[in-house]
Amino acid sequence: MKPQDRIIVALDVPTVEEALGLVHELDGLISFYKVGLELLMSGGMDRLLQSLVEGRRVFVDLKLPNDIPETVRRAVTLAADKGVEFLTLSGSATVETIEAAASGRGGRAKPQLLFVPFLSSLDRSDFSRQTQSSDSEFEDLLRERTERARGAGADGFIVSGPEIKLLRDRYRDTLLVSPGIRPEGSSKDDHKRSCTPAEAIRLGADYIVVGRPIRNASNRRDAAERIIGEVALAMTQAAAQ
């Protein structure tokens, strides 16, 4: 896989026109894009997906919650029909929900289902406050949640920061996608467990999701090329080890 193929650009913009404009700006550099709740609520999702699927890969980040299994199954079937490659499941999803999502694909391999055990906007102190537990129990939570999700049919995980290595060591052949990517010196914004593109690759991420560092750059192509360069260097270093 080429370095640029491991980068997913988040289309976190309010309109389909802006999303397609960003895709046009990055044409020839990036071929994998993430769409989420903002664009879903803006309308025009069908038009966006039809435009993206032609020669590109699509990640739909809805974090499907714990819901009636039949509702989840039908939602995943629709995603499969539309050519979606990755689809997220919330950390609240039960075994029954995940099993229903997996069955929604029928005999198809896609969309691959990515379970979100803990949001990248939260850290161990948030975990302690939410669960009234010691932050030392955070890793146990990740292991428990991911093991349950994997057993129910999840194909991989959304994971940030140091926990990338934790899950890579535990799941050698499982898909890991890392959000909250910030180049060296960039603002972390609301991602408390962020890391640089190179760090994420070295820790074991298969793909990285980049939003604001590209979207908000004065020259988006230059920003994308710099991140591609970081990923390429990390891949070269990993291959040499």
Protein backbone atom coordinates (compact mmCIF):
# COMPACT_ATOMS: atom_id res chain seq x y z
CA MET A 1 0.00 0.00 0.00
CA LYS A 2 1.33 3.44 -0.94
CA PRO A 3 1.73 6.10 1.78
CA GLN A 4 -1.08 8.27 0.43
CA ASP A 5 -3.45 5.30 0.46
CA ARG A 6 -3.14 5.11 4.25
CA ILE A 7 -4.50 8.64 4.73
CA ILE A 8 -8.24 9.23 5.15
CA VAL A 9 -9.32 12.87 4.91
CA ALA A 10 -12.29 13.83 7.07
CA LEU A 11 -14.89 15.81 5.14
CA ASP A 12 -16.12 17.63 8.24
CA VAL A 13 -17.78 20.51 6.43
CA PRO A 14 -21.43 21.68 6.49
CA THR A 15 -22.39 21.20 2.82
CA VAL A 16 -21.98 18.65 0.06
CA GLU A 17 -20.63 21.41 -2.21
CA GLU A 18 -17.81 22.17 0.23
CA ALA A 19 -17.06 18.48 0.63
CA LEU A 20 -16.80 17.93 -3.12
CA GLY A 21 -14.70 21.09 -3.41
CA LEU A 22 -12.19 19.67 -0.93
CA VAL A 23 -12.13 16.36 -2.79
CA HIS A 24 -11.47 18.24 -6.03
CA GLU A 25 -8.58 20.17 -4.44
CA LEU A 26 -6.95 16.94 -3.31
CA ASP A 27 -7.56 15.03 -6.55
CA GLY A 28 -4.56 12.87 -7.41
CA LEU A 29 -3.22 12.96 -3.84
CA ILE A 30 -5.95 11.46 -1.65
CA SER A 31 -8.47 8.78 -2.58
CA PHE A 32 -10.01 7.88 0.80
CA TYR A 33 -12.55 10.14 2.56
CA LYS A 34 -14.58 10.09 5.75
CA VAL A 35 -18.09 11.49 6.03
CA GLY A 36 -20.00 11.87 9.28
CA LEU A 37 -22.98 13.31 11.08
CA GLU A 38 -22.58 16.89 9.92
CA LEU A 39 -22.85 16.00 6.24
CA LEU A 40 -25.59 13.47 6.96
CA MET A 41 -27.71 16.19 8.56
CA SER A 42 -26.98 18.66 5.76
CA GLY A 43 -28.80 16.48 3.21
CA GLY A 44 -27.52 15.30 -0.13
CA MET A 45 -25.71 12.27 1.30
CA ASP A 46 -26.75 10.10 -1.66
CA ARG A 47 -25.27 12.58 -4.13
CA LEU A 48 -22.08 12.81 -2.11
CA LEU A 49 -21.66 9.05 -1.84
CA GLN A 50 -22.31 8.55 -5.54
CA SER A 51 -19.66 11.15 -6.38
CA LEU A 52 -17.11 9.74 -3.94
CA VAL A 53 -17.52 6.06 -4.74
CA GLU A 54 -16.47 6.61 -8.34
CA GLY A 55 -12.77 5.79 -8.08
CA ARG A 56 -12.51 6.58 -4.36
CA ARG A 57 -12.96 4.86 -1.02
CA VAL A 58 -15.54 5.99 1.54
CA PHE A 59 -15.57 5.74 5.33
CA VAL A 60 -18.94 6.56 6.92
CA ASP A 61 -18.45 7.57 10.55
CA LEU A 62 -21.88 7.30 12.17
CA LYS A 63 -20.87 5.40 15.32
CA LEU A 64 -24.01 3.31 15.09
CA PRO A 65 -25.33 3.04 18.66
CA ASN A 66 -26.82 0.22 20.62
CA ASP A 67 -30.17 0.04 18.85
CA ILE A 68 -32.79 -2.47 17.76
CA PRO A 69 -30.75 -5.14 15.94
CA GLU A 70 -33.00 -5.13 12.87
CA THR A 71 -32.58 -1.35 12.52
CA VAL A 72 -28.80 -1.70 12.64
CA ARG A 73 -28.81 -4.62 10.22
CA ARG A 74 -30.82 -2.66 7.66
CA ALA A 75 -28.60 0.40 8.02
CA VAL A 76 -25.51 -1.68 7.31
CA THR A 77 -27.20 -3.28 4.30
CA LEU A 78 -27.82 0.20 2.88
CA ALA A 79 -24.16 1.13 3.47
CA ALA A 80 -23.06 -2.05 1.69
CA ASP A 81 -25.35 -1.30 -1.24
CA LYS A 82 -23.79 2.16 -1.57
CA GLY A 83 -20.21 0.88 -1.68
CA VAL A 84 -19.14 2.12 1.76
CA GLU A 85 -15.81 0.61 2.80
CA PHE A 86 -15.62 1.43 6.53
CA LEU A 87 -18.49 2.00 8.97
CA THR A 88 -18.16 2.77 12.68
CA LEU A 89 -19.97 1.25 15.64
CA SER A 90 -20.29 3.12 18.93
CA GLY A 91 -18.71 1.87 22.13
CA SER A 92 -22.28 1.44 23.40
CA ALA A 93 -23.01 -1.26 20.82
CA THR A 94 -23.79 -4.60 22.45
CA VAL A 95 -22.83 -8.02 21.16
CA GLU A 96 -26.30 -8.34 19.63
CA THR A 97 -25.96 -4.99 17.85
CA ILE A 98 -22.54 -5.88 16.43
CA GLU A 99 -23.75 -9.29 15.30
CA ALA A 100 -26.71 -7.63 13.57
CA ALA A 101 -24.38 -5.17 11.85
CA ALA A 102 -22.18 -8.00 10.59
CA SER A 103 -25.21 -9.87 9.28
CA GLY A 104 -26.34 -6.75 7.41
CA ARG A 105 -23.53 -7.23 4.91
CA GLY A 106 -24.90 -10.57 3.81
CA GLY A 107 -22.07 -12.38 2.03
CA ARG A 108 -20.19 -9.16 1.27
CA ALA A 109 -16.86 -8.22 2.82
CA LYS A 110 -17.74 -4.52 3.09
CA PRO A 111 -18.33 -2.29 4.86
CA GLN A 112 -15.72 -3.32 7.35
CA LEU A 113 -17.06 -2.60 10.83
CA LEU A 114 -14.88 -0.48 13.10
CA PHE A 115 -15.73 -0.46 16.79
CA VAL A 116 -14.98 2.71 18.80
CA PRO A 117 -14.00 1.57 22.32
CA PHE A 118 -13.20 5.09 23.59
CA LEU A 119 -13.39 8.48 21.87
CA SER A 120 -10.14 10.28 21.00
CA SER A 121 -11.59 13.44 22.60
CA LEU A 122 -11.40 11.68 25.99
CA ASP A 123 -8.39 10.60 28.02
CA ARG A 124 -7.68 8.52 31.11
CA SER A 125 -8.82 11.25 33.49
CA ASP A 126 -12.18 11.34 31.68
CA PHE A 127 -12.34 7.57 31.99
CA SER A 128 -11.72 7.80 35.74
CA ARG A 129 -14.38 10.46 36.18
CA GLN A 130 -16.98 8.61 34.10
CA THR A 131 -16.45 5.18 35.62
CA GLN A 132 -15.29 6.10 39.13
CA SER A 133 -12.29 3.86 38.50
CA SER A 134 -8.55 4.32 38.66
CA ASP A 135 -6.97 5.45 35.38
CA SER A 136 -4.79 2.34 35.65
CA GLU A 137 -7.90 0.33 34.73
CA PHE A 138 -8.21 2.11 31.38
CA GLU A 139 -6.23 -0.53 29.49
CA ASP A 140 -8.36 -3.27 31.02
CA LEU A 141 -11.44 -1.49 29.70
CA LEU A 142 -9.99 -1.33 26.19
CA ARG A 143 -9.09 -5.01 26.27
CA GLU A 144 -12.52 -6.02 27.53
CA ARG A 145 -14.45 -3.89 25.04
CA THR A 146 -12.34 -4.80 22.03
CA GLU A 147 -12.32 -8.52 22.83
CA ARG A 148 -16.11 -8.49 23.10
CA ALA A 149 -16.53 -6.53 19.86
CA ARG A 150 -14.06 -8.71 17.94
CA GLY A 151 -15.83 -11.85 19.06
CA ALA A 152 -19.17 -10.45 17.88
CA GLY A 153 -17.91 -9.69 14.38
CA ALA A 154 -16.17 -6.29 14.40
CA ASP A 155 -13.40 -6.11 11.79
CA GLY A 156 -11.27 -3.52 13.55
CA PHE A 157 -11.06 -0.58 15.90
CA ILE A 158 -10.83 3.18 16.01
CA VAL A 159 -7.93 3.88 18.34
CA SER A 160 -5.78 6.89 19.22
CA GLY A 161 -2.39 7.70 20.72
CA PRO A 162 -0.43 5.18 22.80
CA GLU A 163 -3.32 2.73 22.76
CA ILE A 164 -2.57 2.01 19.09
CA LYS A 165 0.40 -0.11 20.16
CA LEU A 166 -1.60 -1.73 22.94
CA LEU A 167 -4.17 -3.01 20.46
CA ARG A 168 -1.64 -3.81 17.74
CA ASP A 169 0.28 -6.04 20.14
CA ARG A 170 -2.96 -7.76 21.10
CA TYR A 171 -4.49 -8.05 17.62
CA ARG A 172 -1.72 -8.58 15.09
CA ASP A 173 -3.94 -8.83 12.00
CA THR A 174 -6.87 -6.60 12.97
CA LEU A 175 -7.63 -3.35 11.19
CA LEU A 176 -6.66 -0.25 13.23
CA VAL A 177 -7.70 3.26 12.17
CA SER A 178 -6.38 6.25 14.11
CA PRO A 179 -8.17 9.64 14.26
CA GLY A 180 -6.95 12.80 15.99
CA ILE A 181 -3.83 13.02 13.83
CA ARG A 182 -1.86 16.22 14.27
CA PRO A 183 1.47 17.04 12.58
CA GLU A 184 4.28 18.13 14.88
CA GLY A 185 3.58 21.61 16.27
CA SER A 186 -0.12 21.61 15.37
CA SER A 187 -2.92 22.30 17.82
CA LYS A 188 -4.47 19.14 19.25
CA ASP A 189 -7.90 20.83 19.20
CA ASP A 190 -10.36 18.51 21.01
CA HIS A 191 -8.33 15.31 20.58
CA LYS A 192 -6.75 14.53 23.95
CA ARG A 193 -5.01 11.37 22.74
CA SER A 194 -3.60 12.62 19.46
CA CYS A 195 -0.32 11.75 17.79
CA THR A 196 1.59 12.72 14.68
CA PRO A 197 1.15 10.87 11.36
CA ALA A 198 4.53 9.19 11.71
CA GLU A 199 3.90 8.18 15.34
CA ALA A 200 0.57 6.57 14.46
CA ILE A 201 2.14 4.50 11.68
CA ARG A 202 5.08 3.46 13.87
CA LEU A 203 2.71 2.43 16.67
CA GLY A 204 0.84 0.15 14.27
CA ALA A 205 -2.06 2.05 12.68
CA ASP A 206 -3.14 0.81 9.27
CA TYR A 207 -4.84 4.10 8.40
CA ILE A 208 -4.85 7.61 9.83
CA VAL A 209 -7.74 10.09 9.71
CA VAL A 210 -6.75 13.72 9.11
CA GLY A 211 -9.25 16.56 9.21
CA ARG A 212 -8.39 20.08 10.32
CA PRO A 213 -4.64 20.00 9.54
CA ILE A 214 -5.57 19.63 5.85
CA ARG A 215 -9.01 21.21 5.73
CA ASN A 216 -7.97 24.43 7.51
CA ALA A 217 -4.58 24.80 5.78
CA SER A 218 -4.01 27.82 3.54
CA ASN A 219 -2.72 25.38 0.90
CA ARG A 220 -4.47 22.06 1.30
CA ARG A 221 -2.41 20.19 -1.28
CA ASP A 222 0.83 21.25 0.39
CA ALA A 223 -0.52 20.15 3.78
CA ALA A 224 -1.56 16.78 2.35
CA GLU A 225 1.82 16.29 0.68
CA ARG A 226 3.66 16.98 3.94
CA ILE A 227 1.59 14.37 5.75
CA ILE A 228 2.13 11.87 2.93
CA GLY A 229 5.85 12.51 3.32
CA GLU A 230 5.69 11.81 7.06
CA VAL A 231 3.83 8.56 6.46
CA ALA A 232 6.29 7.51 3.75
CA LEU A 233 9.26 8.10 6.05
CA ALA A 234 7.63 6.12 8.88
CA MET A 235 6.90 3.24 6.50
CA THR A 236 10.49 3.22 5.26
CA GLN A 237 11.83 3.20 8.80
CA ALA A 238 9.49 0.39 9.80
CA ALA A 239 10.53 -1.71 6.80
CA ALA A 240 14.20 -1.26 7.72
CA GLN A 241 13.76 -2.60 11.24
